[in-house]
Amino acid sequence: MSERQIAAFADTHAWQIPFDTSPRHLAGAGDARHVTHGLAAAGWTRTSDALSPEIVLRSPDHRHTLQFDPQSATSAWWRLRAEPTGTEPGWYAEFGELVPAEILASLTDALITPPPAQQRDLFEVLESAGWLLDARKAAHSPDAMCHVEQRRDQDDVTMYWHVETCEPGHGTPKGRRIWHGFFNGRTPEHLVTAFVTALAEPAPLQRGMYDRTAHHGTVQQPSPLAPQQVVEAHTARLSTIRAQARAARRQQRQQQHDSTTAPAMVGTARPAARR
């Protein structure tokens, strides 16, 4: 994460008048650097061609990979993958073009920090935010345009999470899809909860005057935040992530040192007596 990259973010946002934009699921994609800068600050490195519009970032332990492909032939522009280890299964998540970058960044921030000691129930999070629950393990936003559902996989055993923002239906619950999110059944629960908690947060997201939103029903009004405050919030978040990453690396090195240091011997073995 270089100073030049941070300066480029500042150049983009320092001259934009921010508008409070809600609801969050209709705010539009926003700036993808909310995601990529956070991972870079945590030590993830780019493994894709620097001149390609596709971005592939890999974690320091080479287990996790994030792919952003704005030329994707499918509806998934973001793909997050974890390789299996000897003790943990692999997992996969994907998201559509218009997923708000700040919401996705809540997931990636949760990925690079230790999981919480206590895990909140996902549907309790949504219900407390005013979402409506039904009997099919599904929750619906107050405007009925965003839906969070737990579904059963083809094996009829594994459960997975599906998030979908759609146009209002005409005589049906859902219309045309705007964006989607998918978490396979092995995705750590605290990551799904982090994403959904940020999605249901009533506070607006900031968008520039001419930024693309996801739907004409989006409500925008001038933000009390100055452009410089938006930039400062971004840089402060990156500083926090860097500090957390440094602390985690120090702890890991200490654990490796402790595991390779032989325990001190008590006393000295005596040679066997000769007859």
C-alpha atoms as a PDB file:
ATOM      1  CA  MET A   1       0.000   0.000   0.000  1.00  0.00           C
ATOM      2  CA  SER A   2       1.870   3.067  -1.243  1.00  0.00           C
ATOM      3  CA  GLU A   3       1.447   6.766  -0.486  1.00  0.00           C
ATOM      4  CA  ARG A   4       0.809   7.302  -4.199  1.00  0.00           C
ATOM      5  CA  GLN A   5      -2.211   4.986  -4.078  1.00  0.00           C
ATOM      6  CA  ILE A   6      -3.633   6.772  -1.044  1.00  0.00           C
ATOM      7  CA  ALA A   7      -3.036  10.124  -2.729  1.00  0.00           C
ATOM      8  CA  ALA A   8      -4.936   8.927  -5.808  1.00  0.00           C
ATOM      9  CA  PHE A   9      -7.925   8.046  -3.606  1.00  0.00           C
ATOM     10  CA  ALA A  10      -7.722  11.481  -1.990  1.00  0.00           C
ATOM     11  CA  ASP A  11      -7.584  13.180  -5.395  1.00  0.00           C
ATOM     12  CA  THR A  12     -10.795  11.412  -6.411  1.00  0.00           C
ATOM     13  CA  HIS A  13     -12.777  12.225  -3.282  1.00  0.00           C
ATOM     14  CA  ALA A  14     -11.363  15.530  -2.056  1.00  0.00           C
ATOM     15  CA  TRP A  15     -13.179  17.399  -4.854  1.00  0.00           C
ATOM     16  CA  GLN A  16     -16.462  15.456  -4.730  1.00  0.00           C
ATOM     17  CA  ILE A  17     -19.380  16.816  -2.724  1.00  0.00           C
ATOM     18  CA  PRO A  18     -20.584  13.794  -0.723  1.00  0.00           C
ATOM     19  CA  PHE A  19     -24.269  12.947  -0.652  1.00  0.00           C
ATOM     20  CA  ASP A  20     -25.888  10.753   1.997  1.00  0.00           C
ATOM     21  CA  THR A  21     -27.309   7.876  -0.022  1.00  0.00           C
ATOM     22  CA  SER A  22     -29.854   5.372   1.237  1.00  0.00           C
ATOM     23  CA  PRO A  23     -30.971   2.674   1.482  1.00  0.00           C
ATOM     24  CA  ARG A  24     -27.564   1.074   1.420  1.00  0.00           C
ATOM     25  CA  HIS A  25     -28.494  -1.774  -0.901  1.00  0.00           C
ATOM     26  CA  LEU A  26     -29.392   0.773  -3.603  1.00  0.00           C
ATOM     27  CA  ALA A  27     -26.376   3.063  -3.151  1.00  0.00           C
ATOM     28  CA  GLY A  28     -24.450   1.564  -6.076  1.00  0.00           C
ATOM     29  CA  ALA A  29     -20.949   0.121  -6.243  1.00  0.00           C
ATOM     30  CA  GLY A  30     -19.052   3.166  -5.001  1.00  0.00           C
ATOM     31  CA  ASP A  31     -15.248   3.100  -4.917  1.00  0.00           C
ATOM     32  CA  ALA A  32     -13.775  -0.420  -5.096  1.00  0.00           C
ATOM     33  CA  ARG A  33     -10.695   0.854  -3.251  1.00  0.00           C
ATOM     34  CA  HIS A  34     -12.640   0.576   0.003  1.00  0.00           C
ATOM     35  CA  VAL A  35     -12.068  -3.162  -0.478  1.00  0.00           C
ATOM     36  CA  THR A  36      -8.713  -3.372  -2.241  1.00  0.00           C
ATOM     37  CA  HIS A  37      -6.938  -0.741  -0.126  1.00  0.00           C
ATOM     38  CA  GLY A  38      -8.032  -2.480   3.063  1.00  0.00           C
ATOM     39  CA  LEU A  39      -6.610  -5.813   1.944  1.00  0.00           C
ATOM     40  CA  ALA A  40      -3.404  -4.207   0.672  1.00  0.00           C
ATOM     41  CA  ALA A  41      -2.941  -2.518   4.065  1.00  0.00           C
ATOM     42  CA  ALA A  42      -3.208  -5.980   5.642  1.00  0.00           C
ATOM     43  CA  GLY A  43      -0.385  -7.288   3.463  1.00  0.00           C
ATOM     44  CA  TRP A  44      -2.316  -8.799   0.540  1.00  0.00           C
ATOM     45  CA  THR A  45      -0.453  -8.532  -2.760  1.00  0.00           C
ATOM     46  CA  ARG A  46      -1.615  -8.155  -6.335  1.00  0.00           C
ATOM     47  CA  THR A  47      -0.858 -11.207  -8.473  1.00  0.00           C
ATOM     48  CA  SER A  48      -2.627 -10.092 -11.664  1.00  0.00           C
ATOM     49  CA  ASP A  49      -1.232  -8.062 -14.558  1.00  0.00           C
ATOM     50  CA  ALA A  50      -0.853  -4.444 -13.411  1.00  0.00           C
ATOM     51  CA  LEU A  51      -2.128  -3.244 -16.811  1.00  0.00           C
ATOM     52  CA  SER A  52      -5.230  -5.471 -16.757  1.00  0.00           C
ATOM     53  CA  PRO A  53      -8.621  -4.217 -15.532  1.00  0.00           C
ATOM     54  CA  GLU A  54      -8.879  -7.478 -13.593  1.00  0.00           C
ATOM     55  CA  ILE A  55      -7.478  -7.345 -10.049  1.00  0.00           C
ATOM     56  CA  VAL A  56      -6.421 -10.472  -8.154  1.00  0.00           C
ATOM     57  CA  LEU A  57      -5.200 -10.068  -4.575  1.00  0.00           C
ATOM     58  CA  ARG A  58      -3.714 -12.883  -2.478  1.00  0.00           C
ATOM     59  CA  SER A  59      -3.327 -13.073   1.279  1.00  0.00           C
ATOM     60  CA  PRO A  60       0.153 -13.347   2.861  1.00  0.00           C
ATOM     61  CA  ASP A  61      -0.450 -17.036   3.716  1.00  0.00           C
ATOM     62  CA  HIS A  62      -1.615 -17.697   0.094  1.00  0.00           C
ATOM     63  CA  ARG A  63      -4.842 -19.252   1.358  1.00  0.00           C
ATOM     64  CA  HIS A  64      -7.309 -16.488   0.396  1.00  0.00           C
ATOM     65  CA  THR A  65      -7.796 -14.908  -3.020  1.00  0.00           C
ATOM     66  CA  LEU A  66      -9.986 -11.983  -4.045  1.00  0.00           C
ATOM     67  CA  GLN A  67     -10.765 -11.448  -7.726  1.00  0.00           C
ATOM     68  CA  PHE A  68     -12.398  -8.330  -9.154  1.00  0.00           C
ATOM     69  CA  ASP A  69     -13.287  -8.697 -12.834  1.00  0.00           C
ATOM     70  CA  PRO A  70     -15.241  -5.784 -14.381  1.00  0.00           C
ATOM     71  CA  GLN A  71     -15.267  -7.678 -17.699  1.00  0.00           C
ATOM     72  CA  SER A  72     -16.796 -10.829 -16.235  1.00  0.00           C
ATOM     73  CA  ALA A  73     -19.047 -12.770 -18.571  1.00  0.00           C
ATOM     74  CA  THR A  74     -21.231 -13.704 -15.585  1.00  0.00           C
ATOM     75  CA  SER A  75     -23.145 -11.608 -13.072  1.00  0.00           C
ATOM     76  CA  ALA A  76     -20.358 -12.066 -10.497  1.00  0.00           C
ATOM     77  CA  TRP A  77     -17.752  -9.269 -10.572  1.00  0.00           C
ATOM     78  CA  TRP A  78     -16.257 -10.098  -7.155  1.00  0.00           C
ATOM     79  CA  ARG A  79     -15.093 -13.580  -6.126  1.00  0.00           C
ATOM     80  CA  LEU A  80     -13.584 -14.437  -2.755  1.00  0.00           C
ATOM     81  CA  ARG A  81     -12.098 -17.891  -2.282  1.00  0.00           C
ATOM     82  CA  ALA A  82     -10.399 -19.762   0.587  1.00  0.00           C
ATOM     83  CA  GLU A  83      -8.358 -22.909  -0.042  1.00  0.00           C
ATOM     84  CA  PRO A  84      -8.870 -25.825   2.368  1.00  0.00           C
ATOM     85  CA  THR A  85      -6.262 -26.553   5.039  1.00  0.00           C
ATOM     86  CA  GLY A  86      -5.610 -29.568   7.217  1.00  0.00           C
ATOM     87  CA  THR A  87      -8.053 -28.252   9.830  1.00  0.00           C
ATOM     88  CA  GLU A  88     -10.421 -25.925   7.931  1.00  0.00           C
ATOM     89  CA  PRO A  89     -12.560 -26.459   4.805  1.00  0.00           C
ATOM     90  CA  GLY A  90     -12.336 -24.279   1.727  1.00  0.00           C
ATOM     91  CA  TRP A  91     -15.138 -21.865   0.941  1.00  0.00           C
ATOM     92  CA  TYR A  92     -16.333 -19.468  -1.738  1.00  0.00           C
ATOM     93  CA  ALA A  93     -18.367 -16.248  -1.995  1.00  0.00           C
ATOM     94  CA  GLU A  94     -19.315 -14.044  -4.946  1.00  0.00           C
ATOM     95  CA  PHE A  95     -21.027 -10.694  -5.512  1.00  0.00           C
ATOM     96  CA  GLY A  96     -22.553  -8.766  -8.381  1.00  0.00           C
ATOM     97  CA  GLU A  97     -21.390  -5.512  -9.957  1.00  0.00           C
ATOM     98  CA  LEU A  98     -23.516  -3.122  -7.891  1.00  0.00           C
ATOM     99  CA  VAL A  99     -22.777  -4.501  -4.425  1.00  0.00           C
ATOM    100  CA  PRO A 100     -21.725  -1.442  -2.356  1.00  0.00           C
ATOM    101  CA  ALA A 101     -17.961  -1.545  -1.845  1.00  0.00           C
ATOM    102  CA  GLU A 102     -18.304  -0.431   1.792  1.00  0.00           C
ATOM    103  CA  ILE A 103     -20.557  -3.430   2.539  1.00  0.00           C
ATOM    104  CA  LEU A 104     -18.118  -5.826   0.912  1.00  0.00           C
ATOM    105  CA  ALA A 105     -15.269  -4.148   2.823  1.00  0.00           C
ATOM    106  CA  SER A 106     -17.027  -5.035   6.084  1.00  0.00           C
ATOM    107  CA  LEU A 107     -16.680  -8.684   5.083  1.00  0.00           C
ATOM    108  CA  THR A 108     -13.015  -8.418   4.064  1.00  0.00           C
ATOM    109  CA  ASP A 109     -12.226  -6.449   7.245  1.00  0.00           C
ATOM    110  CA  ALA A 110     -13.771  -9.306   9.244  1.00  0.00           C
ATOM    111  CA  LEU A 111     -11.671 -11.785   7.265  1.00  0.00           C
ATOM    112  CA  ILE A 112      -8.369 -10.143   8.224  1.00  0.00           C
ATOM    113  CA  THR A 113      -9.189  -9.743  11.937  1.00  0.00           C
ATOM    114  CA  PRO A 114      -9.835 -12.408  14.611  1.00  0.00           C
ATOM    115  CA  PRO A 115     -13.470 -13.572  14.793  1.00  0.00           C
ATOM    116  CA  PRO A 116     -15.580 -12.192  17.658  1.00  0.00           C
ATOM    117  CA  ALA A 117     -15.844 -14.195  20.867  1.00  0.00           C
ATOM    118  CA  GLN A 118     -19.638 -14.147  20.635  1.00  0.00           C
ATOM    119  CA  GLN A 119     -21.590 -14.517  17.405  1.00  0.00           C
ATOM    120  CA  ARG A 120     -24.918 -12.732  16.887  1.00  0.00           C
ATOM    121  CA  ASP A 121     -27.755 -14.566  15.172  1.00  0.00           C
ATOM    122  CA  LEU A 122     -28.015 -13.220  11.645  1.00  0.00           C
ATOM    123  CA  PHE A 123     -31.802 -13.023  11.574  1.00  0.00           C
ATOM    124  CA  GLU A 124     -31.833 -11.233  14.933  1.00  0.00           C
ATOM    125  CA  VAL A 125     -29.503  -8.635  13.411  1.00  0.00           C
ATOM    126  CA  LEU A 126     -31.888  -8.101  10.500  1.00  0.00           C
ATOM    127  CA  GLU A 127     -35.049  -8.048  12.608  1.00  0.00           C
ATOM    128  CA  SER A 128     -33.564  -5.469  14.982  1.00  0.00           C
ATOM    129  CA  ALA A 129     -32.823  -3.296  11.925  1.00  0.00           C
ATOM    130  CA  GLY A 130     -36.470  -3.350  10.887  1.00  0.00           C
ATOM    131  CA  TRP A 131     -36.324  -6.132   8.304  1.00  0.00           C
ATOM    132  CA  LEU A 132     -39.328  -8.454   7.967  1.00  0.00           C
ATOM    133  CA  LEU A 133     -38.860 -12.189   8.546  1.00  0.00           C
ATOM    134  CA  ASP A 134     -40.946 -14.946   6.990  1.00  0.00           C
ATOM    135  CA  ALA A 135     -41.328 -18.652   7.630  1.00  0.00           C
ATOM    136  CA  ARG A 136     -38.948 -19.650   4.815  1.00  0.00           C
ATOM    137  CA  LYS A 137     -35.719 -18.615   6.567  1.00  0.00           C
ATOM    138  CA  ALA A 138     -35.738 -15.328   4.657  1.00  0.00           C
ATOM    139  CA  ALA A 139     -35.623 -11.626   5.610  1.00  0.00           C
ATOM    140  CA  HIS A 140     -36.753  -8.662   3.529  1.00  0.00           C
ATOM    141  CA  SER A 141     -35.703  -5.018   3.742  1.00  0.00           C
ATOM    142  CA  PRO A 142     -38.341  -2.409   4.677  1.00  0.00           C
ATOM    143  CA  ASP A 143     -38.642  -1.366   1.008  1.00  0.00           C
ATOM    144  CA  ALA A 144     -39.005  -5.068  -0.007  1.00  0.00           C
ATOM    145  CA  MET A 145     -36.158  -4.747  -2.541  1.00  0.00           C
ATOM    146  CA  CYS A 146     -33.365  -6.593  -0.696  1.00  0.00           C
ATOM    147  CA  HIS A 147     -33.707 -10.187   0.443  1.00  0.00           C
ATOM    148  CA  VAL A 148     -31.475 -12.353   2.645  1.00  0.00           C
ATOM    149  CA  GLU A 149     -32.281 -16.037   2.537  1.00  0.00           C
ATOM    150  CA  GLN A 150     -30.812 -19.270   3.853  1.00  0.00           C
ATOM    151  CA  ARG A 151     -31.270 -21.998   1.264  1.00  0.00           C
ATOM    152  CA  ARG A 152     -30.612 -25.711   1.084  1.00  0.00           C
ATOM    153  CA  ASP A 153     -28.017 -26.942  -1.411  1.00  0.00           C
ATOM    154  CA  GLN A 154     -28.641 -29.623  -4.030  1.00  0.00           C
ATOM    155  CA  ASP A 155     -27.421 -32.274  -1.605  1.00  0.00           C
ATOM    156  CA  ASP A 156     -30.390 -31.270   0.619  1.00  0.00           C
ATOM    157  CA  VAL A 157     -28.015 -31.174   3.591  1.00  0.00           C
ATOM    158  CA  THR A 158     -25.770 -28.118   3.260  1.00  0.00           C
ATOM    159  CA  MET A 159     -27.273 -24.697   3.905  1.00  0.00           C
ATOM    160  CA  TYR A 160     -25.949 -21.601   2.123  1.00  0.00           C
ATOM    161  CA  TRP A 161     -26.740 -17.871   2.202  1.00  0.00           C
ATOM    162  CA  HIS A 162     -28.140 -15.897  -0.711  1.00  0.00           C
ATOM    163  CA  VAL A 163     -28.521 -12.102  -0.806  1.00  0.00           C
ATOM    164  CA  GLU A 164     -30.407 -10.440  -3.633  1.00  0.00           C
ATOM    165  CA  THR A 165     -31.469  -6.885  -4.414  1.00  0.00           C
ATOM    166  CA  CYS A 166     -34.224  -6.711  -7.022  1.00  0.00           C
ATOM    167  CA  GLU A 167     -36.620  -4.330  -8.710  1.00  0.00           C
ATOM    168  CA  PRO A 168     -40.073  -4.319  -7.110  1.00  0.00           C
ATOM    169  CA  GLY A 169     -42.171  -7.134  -8.524  1.00  0.00           C
ATOM    170  CA  HIS A 170     -45.448  -6.567 -10.340  1.00  0.00           C
ATOM    171  CA  GLY A 171     -47.734  -9.166  -8.822  1.00  0.00           C
ATOM    172  CA  THR A 172     -44.673 -11.178  -7.719  1.00  0.00           C
ATOM    173  CA  PRO A 173     -42.339 -10.786  -4.708  1.00  0.00           C
ATOM    174  CA  LYS A 174     -39.319  -9.961  -6.868  1.00  0.00           C
ATOM    175  CA  GLY A 175     -38.591  -8.201 -10.139  1.00  0.00           C
ATOM    176  CA  ARG A 176     -35.370  -7.902 -12.158  1.00  0.00           C
ATOM    177  CA  ARG A 177     -32.193  -8.578 -10.196  1.00  0.00           C
ATOM    178  CA  ILE A 178     -29.961  -5.562  -9.447  1.00  0.00           C
ATOM    179  CA  TRP A 179     -27.127  -7.349  -7.619  1.00  0.00           C
ATOM    180  CA  HIS A 180     -26.598 -10.541  -5.670  1.00  0.00           C
ATOM    181  CA  GLY A 181     -24.355 -12.077  -3.036  1.00  0.00           C
ATOM    182  CA  PHE A 182     -23.704 -15.793  -2.509  1.00  0.00           C
ATOM    183  CA  PHE A 183     -21.915 -17.540   0.378  1.00  0.00           C
ATOM    184  CA  ASN A 184     -21.455 -21.289   0.082  1.00  0.00           C
ATOM    185  CA  GLY A 185     -22.266 -23.486   3.055  1.00  0.00           C
ATOM    186  CA  ARG A 186     -18.695 -23.590   4.364  1.00  0.00           C
ATOM    187  CA  THR A 187     -18.213 -19.813   4.556  1.00  0.00           C
ATOM    188  CA  PRO A 188     -17.391 -18.858   8.179  1.00  0.00           C
ATOM    189  CA  GLU A 189     -20.558 -17.577   9.803  1.00  0.00           C
ATOM    190  CA  HIS A 190     -18.961 -14.458  11.265  1.00  0.00           C
ATOM    191  CA  LEU A 191     -18.074 -13.279   7.741  1.00  0.00           C
ATOM    192  CA  VAL A 192     -21.666 -13.611   6.543  1.00  0.00           C
ATOM    193  CA  THR A 193     -22.862 -11.806   9.671  1.00  0.00           C
ATOM    194  CA  ALA A 194     -20.368  -8.960   9.135  1.00  0.00           C
ATOM    195  CA  PHE A 195     -21.640  -8.468   5.569  1.00  0.00           C
ATOM    196  CA  VAL A 196     -25.322  -8.591   6.506  1.00  0.00           C
ATOM    197  CA  THR A 197     -24.875  -6.353   9.562  1.00  0.00           C
ATOM    198  CA  ALA A 198     -23.283  -3.673   7.372  1.00  0.00           C
ATOM    199  CA  LEU A 199     -25.992  -4.153   4.746  1.00  0.00           C
ATOM    200  CA  ALA A 200     -28.799  -3.605   7.265  1.00  0.00           C
ATOM    201  CA  GLU A 201     -27.159  -0.625   8.973  1.00  0.00           C
ATOM    202  CA  PRO A 202     -29.553   2.340   8.608  1.00  0.00           C
ATOM    203  CA  ALA A 203     -26.781   4.945   8.310  1.00  0.00           C
ATOM    204  CA  PRO A 204     -26.415   6.180   4.704  1.00  0.00           C
ATOM    205  CA  LEU A 205     -23.385   5.660   2.483  1.00  0.00           C
ATOM    206  CA  GLN A 206     -21.592   8.581   0.866  1.00  0.00           C
ATOM    207  CA  ARG A 207     -21.675   8.979  -2.907  1.00  0.00           C
ATOM    208  CA  GLY A 208     -20.436  11.766  -5.141  1.00  0.00           C
ATOM    209  CA  MET A 209     -22.870  13.968  -7.040  1.00  0.00           C
ATOM    210  CA  TYR A 210     -22.460  12.059 -10.306  1.00  0.00           C
ATOM    211  CA  ASP A 211     -21.768   8.584  -8.933  1.00  0.00           C
ATOM    212  CA  ARG A 212     -23.926   5.818 -10.340  1.00  0.00           C
ATOM    213  CA  THR A 213     -26.506   4.457  -7.924  1.00  0.00           C
ATOM    214  CA  ALA A 214     -28.279   1.125  -8.273  1.00  0.00           C
ATOM    215  CA  HIS A 215     -31.840   2.371  -8.671  1.00  0.00           C
ATOM    216  CA  HIS A 216     -33.869   5.533  -9.256  1.00  0.00           C
ATOM    217  CA  GLY A 217     -35.551   4.927  -5.896  1.00  0.00           C
ATOM    218  CA  THR A 218     -32.339   5.827  -4.063  1.00  0.00           C
ATOM    219  CA  VAL A 219     -32.705   8.811  -1.739  1.00  0.00           C
ATOM    220  CA  GLN A 220     -29.853  11.345  -1.707  1.00  0.00           C
ATOM    221  CA  GLN A 221     -29.296  14.530   0.234  1.00  0.00           C
ATOM    222  CA  PRO A 222     -26.201  16.648   0.935  1.00  0.00           C
ATOM    223  CA  SER A 223     -24.029  15.003   3.577  1.00  0.00           C
ATOM    224  CA  PRO A 224     -22.913  16.836   6.721  1.00  0.00           C
ATOM    225  CA  LEU A 225     -19.467  15.363   6.032  1.00  0.00           C
ATOM    226  CA  ALA A 226     -16.916  17.471   4.178  1.00  0.00           C
ATOM    227  CA  PRO A 227     -14.974  15.795   1.344  1.00  0.00           C
ATOM    228  CA  GLN A 228     -11.812  15.877   3.458  1.00  0.00           C
ATOM    229  CA  GLN A 229     -13.580  13.969   6.234  1.00  0.00           C
ATOM    230  CA  VAL A 230     -14.422  11.164   3.812  1.00  0.00           C
ATOM    231  CA  VAL A 231     -10.744  10.919   2.864  1.00  0.00           C
ATOM    232  CA  GLU A 232      -9.616  11.078   6.504  1.00  0.00           C
ATOM    233  CA  ALA A 233     -12.007   8.267   7.484  1.00  0.00           C
ATOM    234  CA  HIS A 234     -10.532   6.096   4.733  1.00  0.00           C
ATOM    235  CA  THR A 235      -6.910   6.742   5.727  1.00  0.00           C
ATOM    236  CA  ALA A 236      -7.706   6.229   9.433  1.00  0.00           C
ATOM    237  CA  ARG A 237      -9.247   2.835   8.625  1.00  0.00           C
ATOM    238  CA  LEU A 238      -6.140   1.833   6.666  1.00  0.00           C
ATOM    239  CA  SER A 239      -3.895   2.871   9.564  1.00  0.00           C
ATOM    240  CA  THR A 240      -5.935   0.704  11.933  1.00  0.00           C
ATOM    241  CA  ILE A 241      -5.722  -2.282   9.583  1.00  0.00           C
ATOM    242  CA  ARG A 242      -1.931  -1.860   9.243  1.00  0.00           C
ATOM    243  CA  ALA A 243      -1.524  -1.786  13.026  1.00  0.00           C
ATOM    244  CA  GLN A 244      -3.683  -4.894  13.432  1.00  0.00           C
ATOM    245  CA  ALA A 245      -1.718  -6.715  10.731  1.00  0.00           C
ATOM    246  CA  ARG A 246       1.614  -5.828  12.360  1.00  0.00           C
ATOM    247  CA  ALA A 247       0.364  -7.031  15.751  1.00  0.00           C
ATOM    248  CA  ALA A 248      -0.868 -10.302  14.225  1.00  0.00           C
ATOM    249  CA  ARG A 249       2.485 -10.910  12.523  1.00  0.00           C
ATOM    250  CA  ARG A 250       4.365 -10.268  15.776  1.00  0.00           C
ATOM    251  CA  GLN A 251       2.109 -12.707  17.599  1.00  0.00           C
ATOM    252  CA  GLN A 252       2.563 -15.323  14.874  1.00  0.00           C
ATOM    253  CA  ARG A 253       6.358 -14.983  14.985  1.00  0.00           C
ATOM    254  CA  GLN A 254       6.302 -15.310  18.765  1.00  0.00           C
ATOM    255  CA  GLN A 255       4.165 -18.443  18.559  1.00  0.00           C
ATOM    256  CA  GLN A 256       6.510 -19.949  15.959  1.00  0.00           C
ATOM    257  CA  HIS A 257       9.494 -19.087  18.156  1.00  0.00           C
ATOM    258  CA  ASP A 258       7.867 -20.655  21.204  1.00  0.00           C
ATOM    259  CA  SER A 259       7.008 -23.832  19.315  1.00  0.00           C
ATOM    260  CA  THR A 260      10.545 -24.307  17.968  1.00  0.00           C
ATOM    261  CA  THR A 261      12.377 -23.529  21.215  1.00  0.00           C
ATOM    262  CA  ALA A 262      13.291 -26.759  22.991  1.00  0.00           C
ATOM    263  CA  PRO A 263      12.188 -26.931  26.633  1.00  0.00           C
ATOM    264  CA  ALA A 264      14.996 -26.565  29.160  1.00  0.00           C
ATOM    265  CA  MET A 265      16.314 -29.855  30.454  1.00  0.00           C
ATOM    266  CA  VAL A 266      15.979 -30.480  34.184  1.00  0.00           C
ATOM    267  CA  GLY A 267      19.272 -31.829  35.550  1.00  0.00           C
ATOM    268  CA  THR A 268      21.945 -33.617  33.526  1.00  0.00           C
ATOM    269  CA  ALA A 269      21.859 -37.244  32.589  1.00  0.00           C
ATOM    270  CA  ARG A 270      24.626 -39.306  34.193  1.00  0.00           C
ATOM    271  CA  PRO A 271      26.589 -41.848  32.144  1.00  0.00           C
ATOM    272  CA  ALA A 272      25.921 -45.480  32.961  1.00  0.00           C
ATOM    273  CA  ALA A 273      28.353 -46.932  35.509  1.00  0.00           C
ATOM    274  CA  ARG A 274      30.934 -49.407  34.260  1.00  0.00           C
ATOM    275  CA  ARG A 275      31.007 -52.838  35.794  1.00  0.00           C
END
